[in-house]
PDB file of N, CA and C in Angstrom:
ATOM      1  N   MET A   1      97.931  43.671 102.899  1.00  0.00           N
ATOM      2  CA  MET A   1      98.394  44.515 103.965  1.00  0.00           C
ATOM      3  C   MET A   1      97.985  45.961 103.659  1.00  0.00           C
ATOM      4  N   ILE A   2      97.367  46.620 104.609  1.00  0.00           N
ATOM      5  CA  ILE A   2      96.945  48.010 104.451  1.00  0.00           C
ATOM      6  C   ILE A   2      98.039  48.915 105.006  1.00  0.00           C
ATOM      7  N   GLU A   3      98.441  49.862 104.143  1.00  0.00           N
ATOM      8  CA  GLU A   3      99.493  50.784 104.553  1.00  0.00           C
ATOM      9  C   GLU A   3      98.862  52.080 105.065  1.00  0.00           C
ATOM     10  N   GLU A   4      99.258  52.487 106.251  1.00  0.00           N
ATOM     11  CA  GLU A   4      98.730  53.722 106.822  1.00  0.00           C
ATOM     12  C   GLU A   4      99.550  54.905 106.311  1.00  0.00           C
ATOM     13  N   LYS A   5      98.852  55.910 105.814  1.00  0.00           N
ATOM     14  CA  LYS A   5      99.520  57.090 105.281  1.00  0.00           C
ATOM     15  C   LYS A   5      99.825  58.055 106.423  1.00  0.00           C
ATOM     16  N   LYS A   6     101.086  58.410 106.579  1.00  0.00           N
ATOM     17  CA  LYS A   6     101.483  59.348 107.623  1.00  0.00           C
ATOM     18  C   LYS A   6     101.255  60.772 107.131  1.00  0.00           C
ATOM     19  N   PRO A   7     100.816  61.662 108.018  1.00  0.00           N
ATOM     20  CA  PRO A   7     100.626  63.050 107.603  1.00  0.00           C
ATOM     21  C   PRO A   7     101.965  63.691 107.232  1.00  0.00           C
ATOM     22  N   ASP A   8     101.905  64.565 106.245  1.00  0.00           N
ATOM     23  CA  ASP A   8     103.101  65.288 105.799  1.00  0.00           C
ATOM     24  C   ASP A   8     103.474  66.303 106.870  1.00  0.00           C
ATOM     25  N   THR A   9     104.605  66.102 107.506  1.00  0.00           N
ATOM     26  CA  THR A   9     105.012  67.004 108.587  1.00  0.00           C
ATOM     27  C   THR A   9     105.544  68.329 108.061  1.00  0.00           C
ATOM     28  N   ASN A  10     105.799  68.450 106.773  1.00  0.00           N
ATOM     29  CA  ASN A  10     106.288  69.692 106.189  1.00  0.00           C
ATOM     30  C   ASN A  10     105.159  70.606 105.721  1.00  0.00           C
ATOM     31  N   GLN A  11     103.931  70.139 105.798  1.00  0.00           N
ATOM     32  CA  GLN A  11     102.801  70.923 105.313  1.00  0.00           C
ATOM     33  C   GLN A  11     102.235  71.759 106.458  1.00  0.00           C
ATOM     34  N   LEU A  12     102.090  73.054 106.213  1.00  0.00           N
ATOM     35  CA  LEU A  12     101.563  73.973 107.205  1.00  0.00           C
ATOM     36  C   LEU A  12     100.072  74.168 106.989  1.00  0.00           C
ATOM     37  N   GLN A  13      99.301  73.997 108.029  1.00  0.00           N
ATOM     38  CA  GLN A  13      97.870  74.249 107.946  1.00  0.00           C
ATOM     39  C   GLN A  13      97.605  75.625 108.540  1.00  0.00           C
ATOM     40  N   VAL A  14      97.019  76.502 107.736  1.00  0.00           N
ATOM     41  CA  VAL A  14      96.753  77.873 108.144  1.00  0.00           C
ATOM     42  C   VAL A  14      95.260  78.039 108.357  1.00  0.00           C
ATOM     43  N   GLU A  15      94.886  78.583 109.507  1.00  0.00           N
ATOM     44  CA  GLU A  15      93.478  78.843 109.802  1.00  0.00           C
ATOM     45  C   GLU A  15      93.187  80.316 109.563  1.00  0.00           C
ATOM     46  N   LEU A  16      92.014  80.596 109.069  1.00  0.00           N
ATOM     47  CA  LEU A  16      91.582  81.956 108.772  1.00  0.00           C
ATOM     48  C   LEU A  16      90.177  82.136 109.321  1.00  0.00           C
ATOM     49  N   ASP A  17      90.045  82.949 110.390  1.00  0.00           N
ATOM     50  CA  ASP A  17      88.709  83.146 110.956  1.00  0.00           C
ATOM     51  C   ASP A  17      87.907  84.091 110.063  1.00  0.00           C
ATOM     52  N   ASP A  18      86.601  84.131 110.292  1.00  0.00           N
ATOM     53  CA  ASP A  18      85.702  84.905 109.427  1.00  0.00           C
ATOM     54  C   ASP A  18      86.036  86.390 109.396  1.00  0.00           C
ATOM     55  N   GLN A  19      86.338  86.971 110.546  1.00  0.00           N
ATOM     56  CA  GLN A  19      86.629  88.406 110.589  1.00  0.00           C
ATOM     57  C   GLN A  19      87.912  88.739 109.825  1.00  0.00           C
ATOM     58  N   THR A  20      88.947  87.949 110.005  1.00  0.00           N
ATOM     59  CA  THR A  20      90.202  88.182 109.304  1.00  0.00           C
ATOM     60  C   THR A  20      90.036  87.957 107.809  1.00  0.00           C
ATOM     61  N   ALA A  21      89.212  86.991 107.441  1.00  0.00           N
ATOM     62  CA  ALA A  21      88.982  86.697 106.026  1.00  0.00           C
ATOM     63  C   ALA A  21      88.349  87.866 105.288  1.00  0.00           C
ATOM     64  N   GLN A  22      87.639  88.724 106.002  1.00  0.00           N
ATOM     65  CA  GLN A  22      87.028  89.899 105.375  1.00  0.00           C
ATOM     66  C   GLN A  22      88.090  90.889 104.909  1.00  0.00           C
ATOM     67  N   GLY A  23      89.241  90.883 105.532  1.00  0.00           N
ATOM     68  CA  GLY A  23      90.312  91.791 105.163  1.00  0.00           C
ATOM     69  C   GLY A  23      90.054  93.205 105.664  1.00  0.00           C
ATOM     70  N   ALA A  24      91.036  94.052 105.478  1.00  0.00           N
ATOM     71  CA  ALA A  24      90.919  95.459 105.856  1.00  0.00           C
ATOM     72  C   ALA A  24      91.572  96.272 104.748  1.00  0.00           C
ATOM     73  N   TYR A  25      90.833  97.241 104.209  1.00  0.00           N
ATOM     74  CA  TYR A  25      91.352  98.065 103.134  1.00  0.00           C
ATOM     75  C   TYR A  25      92.353  99.074 103.687  1.00  0.00           C
ATOM     76  N   SER A  26      93.448  99.262 102.968  1.00  0.00           N
ATOM     77  CA  SER A  26      94.473 100.223 103.352  1.00  0.00           C
ATOM     78  C   SER A  26      94.917 100.971 102.101  1.00  0.00           C
ATOM     79  N   ASN A  27      95.068 102.289 102.228  1.00  0.00           N
ATOM     80  CA  ASN A  27      95.585 103.059 101.100  1.00  0.00           C
ATOM     81  C   ASN A  27      96.833 103.856 101.487  1.00  0.00           C
ATOM     82  N   LEU A  28      97.415 103.490 102.627  1.00  0.00           N
ATOM     83  CA  LEU A  28      98.664 104.107 103.087  1.00  0.00           C
ATOM     84  C   LEU A  28      99.349 103.141 104.031  1.00  0.00           C
ATOM     85  N   ALA A  29     100.657 103.069 103.942  1.00  0.00           N
ATOM     86  CA  ALA A  29     101.415 102.241 104.874  1.00  0.00           C
ATOM     87  C   ALA A  29     102.597 103.044 105.396  1.00  0.00           C
ATOM     88  N   LEU A  30     102.840 102.921 106.677  1.00  0.00           N
ATOM     89  CA  LEU A  30     104.010 103.527 107.298  1.00  0.00           C
ATOM     90  C   LEU A  30     104.897 102.398 107.804  1.00  0.00           C
ATOM     91  N   ILE A  31     106.186 102.524 107.553  1.00  0.00           N
ATOM     92  CA  ILE A  31     107.118 101.476 107.933  1.00  0.00           C
ATOM     93  C   ILE A  31     108.219 102.087 108.790  1.00  0.00           C
ATOM     94  N   THR A  32     108.456 101.481 109.949  1.00  0.00           N
ATOM     95  CA  THR A  32     109.557 101.884 110.812  1.00  0.00           C
ATOM     96  C   THR A  32     110.324 100.628 111.205  1.00  0.00           C
ATOM     97  N   HIS A  33     111.511 100.826 111.735  1.00  0.00           N
ATOM     98  CA  HIS A  33     112.310  99.668 112.138  1.00  0.00           C
ATOM     99  C   HIS A  33     113.293 100.051 113.235  1.00  0.00           C
ATOM    100  N   ASN A  34     113.760  99.019 113.906  1.00  0.00           N
ATOM    101  CA  ASN A  34     114.893  99.144 114.807  1.00  0.00           C
ATOM    102  C   ASN A  34     115.820  97.972 114.492  1.00  0.00           C
ATOM    103  N   GLU A  35     116.763  97.700 115.348  1.00  0.00           N
ATOM    104  CA  GLU A  35     117.745  96.653 115.052  1.00  0.00           C
ATOM    105  C   GLU A  35     117.137  95.255 114.920  1.00  0.00           C
ATOM    106  N   THR A  36     116.048  95.005 115.631  1.00  0.00           N
ATOM    107  CA  THR A  36     115.518  93.640 115.698  1.00  0.00           C
ATOM    108  C   THR A  36     114.165  93.422 115.039  1.00  0.00           C
ATOM    109  N   GLU A  37     113.487  94.509 114.634  1.00  0.00           N
ATOM    110  CA  GLU A  37     112.160  94.310 114.055  1.00  0.00           C
ATOM    111  C   GLU A  37     111.756  95.443 113.127  1.00  0.00           C
ATOM    112  N   PHE A  38     110.833  95.112 112.243  1.00  0.00           N
ATOM    113  CA  PHE A  38     110.178  96.090 111.380  1.00  0.00           C
ATOM    114  C   PHE A  38     108.732  96.191 111.837  1.00  0.00           C
ATOM    115  N   ILE A  39     108.187  97.402 111.773  1.00  0.00           N
ATOM    116  CA  ILE A  39     106.788  97.624 112.114  1.00  0.00           C
ATOM    117  C   ILE A  39     106.109  98.221 110.895  1.00  0.00           C
ATOM    118  N   LEU A  40     105.078  97.531 110.405  1.00  0.00           N
ATOM    119  CA  LEU A  40     104.305  97.995 109.258  1.00  0.00           C
ATOM    120  C   LEU A  40     102.913  98.367 109.741  1.00  0.00           C
ATOM    121  N   ASP A  41     102.556  99.636 109.608  1.00  0.00           N
ATOM    122  CA  ASP A  41     101.213 100.104 109.943  1.00  0.00           C
ATOM    123  C   ASP A  41     100.446 100.319 108.649  1.00  0.00           C
ATOM    124  N   PHE A  42      99.317  99.632 108.510  1.00  0.00           N
ATOM    125  CA  PHE A  42      98.456  99.776 107.348  1.00  0.00           C
ATOM    126  C   PHE A  42      97.297 100.681 107.740  1.00  0.00           C
ATOM    127  N   ILE A  43      97.122 101.770 106.998  1.00  0.00           N
ATOM    128  CA  ILE A  43      96.229 102.857 107.376  1.00  0.00           C
ATOM    129  C   ILE A  43      95.199 103.092 106.293  1.00  0.00           C
ATOM    130  N   PHE A  44      94.014 103.508 106.712  1.00  0.00           N
ATOM    131  CA  PHE A  44      92.981 103.937 105.775  1.00  0.00           C
ATOM    132  C   PHE A  44      92.786 105.430 105.944  1.00  0.00           C
ATOM    133  N   VAL A  45      93.042 106.177 104.873  1.00  0.00           N
ATOM    134  CA  VAL A  45      92.859 107.625 104.863  1.00  0.00           C
ATOM    135  C   VAL A  45      91.620 107.928 104.035  1.00  0.00           C
ATOM    136  N   GLN A  46      90.635 108.589 104.645  1.00  0.00           N
ATOM    137  CA  GLN A  46      89.435 108.991 103.923  1.00  0.00           C
ATOM    138  C   GLN A  46      89.666 110.366 103.314  1.00  0.00           C
ATOM    139  N   PRO A  47      89.178 110.567 102.101  1.00  0.00           N
ATOM    140  CA  PRO A  47      89.332 111.886 101.478  1.00  0.00           C
ATOM    141  C   PRO A  47      88.702 112.986 102.333  1.00  0.00           C
ATOM    142  N   GLN A  48      89.371 114.116 102.357  1.00  0.00           N
ATOM    143  CA  GLN A  48      88.864 115.310 103.044  1.00  0.00           C
ATOM    144  C   GLN A  48      88.730 115.139 104.557  1.00  0.00           C
ATOM    145  N   GLN A  49      89.419 114.183 105.139  1.00  0.00           N
ATOM    146  CA  GLN A  49      89.350 113.975 106.583  1.00  0.00           C
ATOM    147  C   GLN A  49      90.709 114.274 107.220  1.00  0.00           C
ATOM    148  N   PRO A  50      90.723 114.944 108.365  1.00  0.00           N
ATOM    149  CA  PRO A  50      91.992 115.303 109.002  1.00  0.00           C
ATOM    150  C   PRO A  50      92.640 114.166 109.787  1.00  0.00           C
ATOM    151  N   LYS A  51      91.902 113.072 110.014  1.00  0.00           N
ATOM    152  CA  LYS A  51      92.430 111.948 110.778  1.00  0.00           C
ATOM    153  C   LYS A  51      92.379 110.682 109.938  1.00  0.00           C
ATOM    154  N   ALA A  52      93.291 109.777 110.257  1.00  0.00           N
ATOM    155  CA  ALA A  52      93.300 108.471 109.603  1.00  0.00           C
ATOM    156  C   ALA A  52      93.425 107.407 110.687  1.00  0.00           C
ATOM    157  N   LYS A  53      93.038 106.189 110.352  1.00  0.00           N
ATOM    158  CA  LYS A  53      93.041 105.120 111.346  1.00  0.00           C
ATOM    159  C   LYS A  53      93.927 103.970 110.893  1.00  0.00           C
ATOM    160  N   VAL A  54      94.754 103.489 111.816  1.00  0.00           N
ATOM    161  CA  VAL A  54      95.553 102.292 111.550  1.00  0.00           C
ATOM    162  C   VAL A  54      94.598 101.103 111.573  1.00  0.00           C
ATOM    163  N   ARG A  55      94.562 100.369 110.464  1.00  0.00           N
ATOM    164  CA  ARG A  55      93.675  99.202 110.361  1.00  0.00           C
ATOM    165  C   ARG A  55      94.365  97.928 110.827  1.00  0.00           C
ATOM    166  N   ALA A  56      95.700  97.883 110.649  1.00  0.00           N
ATOM    167  CA  ALA A  56      96.450  96.694 111.070  1.00  0.00           C
ATOM    168  C   ALA A  56      97.901  97.080 111.303  1.00  0.00           C
ATOM    169  N   ARG A  57      98.526  96.439 112.273  1.00  0.00           N
ATOM    170  CA  ARG A  57      99.953  96.626 112.540  1.00  0.00           C
ATOM    171  C   ARG A  57     100.599  95.247 112.502  1.00  0.00           C
ATOM    172  N   ILE A  58     101.648  95.141 111.714  1.00  0.00           N
ATOM    173  CA  ILE A  58     102.412  93.899 111.612  1.00  0.00           C
ATOM    174  C   ILE A  58     103.814  94.173 112.134  1.00  0.00           C
ATOM    175  N   ILE A  59     104.266  93.363 113.076  1.00  0.00           N
ATOM    176  CA  ILE A  59     105.616  93.472 113.621  1.00  0.00           C
ATOM    177  C   ILE A  59     106.338  92.188 113.240  1.00  0.00           C
ATOM    178  N   SER A  60     107.505  92.334 112.607  1.00  0.00           N
ATOM    179  CA  SER A  60     108.182  91.152 112.096  1.00  0.00           C
ATOM    180  C   SER A  60     109.698  91.317 112.139  1.00  0.00           C
ATOM    181  N   SER A  61     110.388  90.220 111.971  1.00  0.00           N
ATOM    182  CA  SER A  61     111.857  90.230 111.994  1.00  0.00           C
ATOM    183  C   SER A  61     112.405  90.756 110.667  1.00  0.00           C
ATOM    184  N   PRO A  62     113.631  91.302 110.677  1.00  0.00           N
ATOM    185  CA  PRO A  62     114.244  91.757 109.432  1.00  0.00           C
ATOM    186  C   PRO A  62     114.337  90.637 108.375  1.00  0.00           C
ATOM    187  N   ALA A  63     114.672  89.437 108.800  1.00  0.00           N
ATOM    188  CA  ALA A  63     114.793  88.327 107.842  1.00  0.00           C
ATOM    189  C   ALA A  63     113.453  88.025 107.185  1.00  0.00           C
ATOM    190  N   HIS A  64     112.388  88.030 107.960  1.00  0.00           N
ATOM    191  CA  HIS A  64     111.071  87.758 107.383  1.00  0.00           C
ATOM    192  C   HIS A  64     110.644  88.893 106.458  1.00  0.00           C
ATOM    193  N   ILE A  65     110.925  90.127 106.827  1.00  0.00           N
ATOM    194  CA  ILE A  65     110.572  91.267 105.970  1.00  0.00           C
ATOM    195  C   ILE A  65     111.310  91.169 104.640  1.00  0.00           C
ATOM    196  N   LYS A  66     112.550  90.716 104.660  1.00  0.00           N
ATOM    197  CA  LYS A  66     113.309  90.550 103.409  1.00  0.00           C
ATOM    198  C   LYS A  66     112.652  89.478 102.540  1.00  0.00           C
ATOM    199  N   ARG A  67     112.207  88.378 103.146  1.00  0.00           N
ATOM    200  CA  ARG A  67     111.499  87.332 102.385  1.00  0.00           C
ATOM    201  C   ARG A  67     110.179  87.880 101.851  1.00  0.00           C
ATOM    202  N   PHE A  68     109.497  88.692 102.654  1.00  0.00           N
ATOM    203  CA  PHE A  68     108.250  89.319 102.228  1.00  0.00           C
ATOM    204  C   PHE A  68     108.490  90.235 101.035  1.00  0.00           C
ATOM    205  N   LEU A  69     109.543  91.042 101.082  1.00  0.00           N
ATOM    206  CA  LEU A  69     109.893  91.937  99.977  1.00  0.00           C
ATOM    207  C   LEU A  69     110.139  91.136  98.698  1.00  0.00           C
ATOM    208  N   ASN A  70     110.877  90.047  98.801  1.00  0.00           N
ATOM    209  CA  ASN A  70     111.147  89.216  97.620  1.00  0.00           C
ATOM    210  C   ASN A  70     109.863  88.601  97.066  1.00  0.00           C
ATOM    211  N   ALA A  71     108.995  88.121  97.946  1.00  0.00           N
ATOM    212  CA  ALA A  71     107.728  87.534  97.496  1.00  0.00           C
ATOM    213  C   ALA A  71     106.837  88.605  96.868  1.00  0.00           C
ATOM    214  N   LEU A  72     106.810  89.802  97.450  1.00  0.00           N
ATOM    215  CA  LEU A  72     106.013  90.894  96.906  1.00  0.00           C
ATOM    216  C   LEU A  72     106.546  91.312  95.535  1.00  0.00           C
ATOM    217  N   SER A  73     107.861  91.427  95.412  1.00  0.00           N
ATOM    218  CA  SER A  73     108.464  91.783  94.118  1.00  0.00           C
ATOM    219  C   SER A  73     108.128  90.749  93.050  1.00  0.00           C
ATOM    220  N   ASP A  74     108.200  89.477  93.418  1.00  0.00           N
ATOM    221  CA  ASP A  74     107.865  88.408  92.482  1.00  0.00           C
ATOM    222  C   ASP A  74     106.402  88.493  92.051  1.00  0.00           C
ATOM    223  N   ASN A  75     105.513  88.757  92.990  1.00  0.00           N
ATOM    224  CA  ASN A  75     104.090  88.861  92.660  1.00  0.00           C
ATOM    225  C   ASN A  75     103.785  90.095  91.817  1.00  0.00           C
ATOM    226  N   ILE A  76     104.459  91.202  92.061  1.00  0.00           N
ATOM    227  CA  ILE A  76     104.265  92.397  91.230  1.00  0.00           C
ATOM    228  C   ILE A  76     104.721  92.118  89.805  1.00  0.00           C
ATOM    229  N   LYS A  77     105.847  91.445  89.664  1.00  0.00           N
ATOM    230  CA  LYS A  77     106.349  91.088  88.325  1.00  0.00           C
ATOM    231  C   LYS A  77     105.317  90.223  87.588  1.00  0.00           C
ATOM    232  N   LYS A  78     104.773  89.218  88.256  1.00  0.00           N
ATOM    233  CA  LYS A  78     103.774  88.340  87.640  1.00  0.00           C
ATOM    234  C   LYS A  78     102.491  89.115  87.311  1.00  0.00           C
ATOM    235  N   TYR A  79     102.074  89.998  88.206  1.00  0.00           N
ATOM    236  CA  TYR A  79     100.882  90.814  87.969  1.00  0.00           C
ATOM    237  C   TYR A  79     101.071  91.659  86.722  1.00  0.00           C
ATOM    238  N   GLU A  80     102.215  92.342  86.610  1.00  0.00           N
ATOM    239  CA  GLU A  80     102.457  93.230  85.474  1.00  0.00           C
ATOM    240  C   GLU A  80     102.600  92.453  84.168  1.00  0.00           C
ATOM    241  N   GLN A  81     103.102  91.240  84.224  1.00  0.00           N
ATOM    242  CA  GLN A  81     103.156  90.411  83.020  1.00  0.00           C
ATOM    243  C   GLN A  81     101.753  90.070  82.537  1.00  0.00           C
ATOM    244  N   GLN A  82     100.836  89.877  83.464  1.00  0.00           N
ATOM    245  CA  GLN A  82      99.470  89.498  83.116  1.00  0.00           C
ATOM    246  C   GLN A  82      98.587  90.706  82.803  1.00  0.00           C
ATOM    247  N   PHE A  83      98.720  91.786  83.571  1.00  0.00           N
ATOM    248  CA  PHE A  83      97.783  92.902  83.459  1.00  0.00           C
ATOM    249  C   PHE A  83      98.406  94.214  82.975  1.00  0.00           C
ATOM    250  N   GLY A  84      99.692  94.278  82.813  1.00  0.00           N
ATOM    251  CA  GLY A  84     100.356  95.506  82.393  1.00  0.00           C
ATOM    252  C   GLY A  84     100.973  96.239  83.574  1.00  0.00           C
ATOM    253  N   ALA A  85     101.779  97.222  83.251  1.00  0.00           N
ATOM    254  CA  ALA A  85     102.532  97.958  84.261  1.00  0.00           C
ATOM    255  C   ALA A  85     101.610  98.681  85.241  1.00  0.00           C
ATOM    256  N   ILE A  86     102.002  98.677  86.484  1.00  0.00           N
ATOM    257  CA  ILE A  86     101.294  99.435  87.519  1.00  0.00           C
ATOM    258  C   ILE A  86     101.876 100.839  87.499  1.00  0.00           C
ATOM    259  N   LYS A  87     101.012 101.811  87.293  1.00  0.00           N
ATOM    260  CA  LYS A  87     101.462 103.200  87.259  1.00  0.00           C
ATOM    261  C   LYS A  87     101.422 103.770  88.674  1.00  0.00           C
ATOM    262  N   PRO A  88     102.531 104.359  89.130  1.00  0.00           N
ATOM    263  CA  PRO A  88     102.525 104.961  90.470  1.00  0.00           C
ATOM    264  C   PRO A  88     101.563 106.135  90.527  1.00  0.00           C
ATOM    265  N   MET A  89     100.876 106.286  91.658  1.00  0.00           N
ATOM    266  CA  MET A  89      99.985 107.429  91.855  1.00  0.00           C
ATOM    267  C   MET A  89     100.826 108.650  92.200  1.00  0.00           C
ATOM    268  N   VAL A  90     100.412 109.804  91.674  1.00  0.00           N
ATOM    269  CA  VAL A  90     101.062 111.054  92.033  1.00  0.00           C
ATOM    270  C   VAL A  90     100.106 111.792  92.956  1.00  0.00           C
ATOM    271  N   THR A  91     100.581 112.077  94.161  1.00  0.00           N
ATOM    272  CA  THR A  91      99.756 112.791  95.136  1.00  0.00           C
ATOM    273  C   THR A  91     100.081 114.280  95.072  1.00  0.00           C
ATOM    274  N   PRO A  92      99.244 115.123  95.640  1.00  0.00           N
ATOM    275  CA  PRO A  92      99.537 116.562  95.661  1.00  0.00           C
ATOM    276  C   PRO A  92     100.896 116.873  96.287  1.00  0.00           C
ATOM    277  N   ASP A  93     101.287 116.125  97.313  1.00  0.00           N
ATOM    278  CA  ASP A  93     102.605 116.342  97.935  1.00  0.00           C
ATOM    279  C   ASP A  93     103.732 116.029  96.954  1.00  0.00           C
ATOM    280  N   ASP A  94     103.551 114.969  96.148  1.00  0.00           N
ATOM    281  CA  ASP A  94     104.570 114.614  95.155  1.00  0.00           C
ATOM    282  C   ASP A  94     104.710 115.732  94.131  1.00  0.00           C
ATOM    283  N   LYS A  95     103.574 116.307  93.704  1.00  0.00           N
ATOM    284  CA  LYS A  95     103.607 117.363  92.702  1.00  0.00           C
ATOM    285  C   LYS A  95     104.358 118.582  93.214  1.00  0.00           C
ATOM    286  N   SER A  96     104.231 118.888  94.496  1.00  0.00           N
ATOM    287  CA  SER A  96     104.897 120.078  95.030  1.00  0.00           C
ATOM    288  C   SER A  96     106.406 119.896  95.082  1.00  0.00           C
ATOM    289  N   ARG A  97     106.877 118.649  95.064  1.00  0.00           N
ATOM    290  CA  ARG A  97     108.317 118.380  95.095  1.00  0.00           C
ATOM    291  C   ARG A  97     108.923 118.258  93.702  1.00  0.00           C
ATOM    292  N   MET A  98     108.078 118.227  92.673  1.00  0.00           N
ATOM    293  CA  MET A  98     108.574 118.075  91.316  1.00  0.00           C
ATOM    294  C   MET A  98     109.230 119.374  90.823  1.00  0.00           C
ATOM    295  N   ILE A  99     110.282 119.213  90.048  1.00  0.00           N
ATOM    296  CA  ILE A  99     110.965 120.356  89.456  1.00  0.00           C
ATOM    297  C   ILE A  99     110.337 120.634  88.106  1.00  0.00           C
ATOM    298  N   HIS A 100     109.958 121.888  87.879  1.00  0.00           N
ATOM    299  CA  HIS A 100     109.324 122.261  86.617  1.00  0.00           C
ATOM    300  C   HIS A 100     110.321 122.910  85.702  1.00  0.00           C
TER     301      HIS A 100
END
């Protein structure tokens, strides 16, 4: 007797088109929220340029953002265990706020 294997209904298949797979570089993120959603704008700022461009905007629920934060924290912990501590960048604006 041949047994037919049923597909796993708990497995999510994710598609990634070629353009999205290329990714978009971001060196700044702005985050805003209201009662029902968070908005994350990923921006690319070029040195010495007065304008910057939003490369991607993600709109998500508070619950999903909390899961994202936990997953990001877990990945940062694993990264630092493997490669060492990530040192925060100090920008000129940060320096002007420092107490000497």
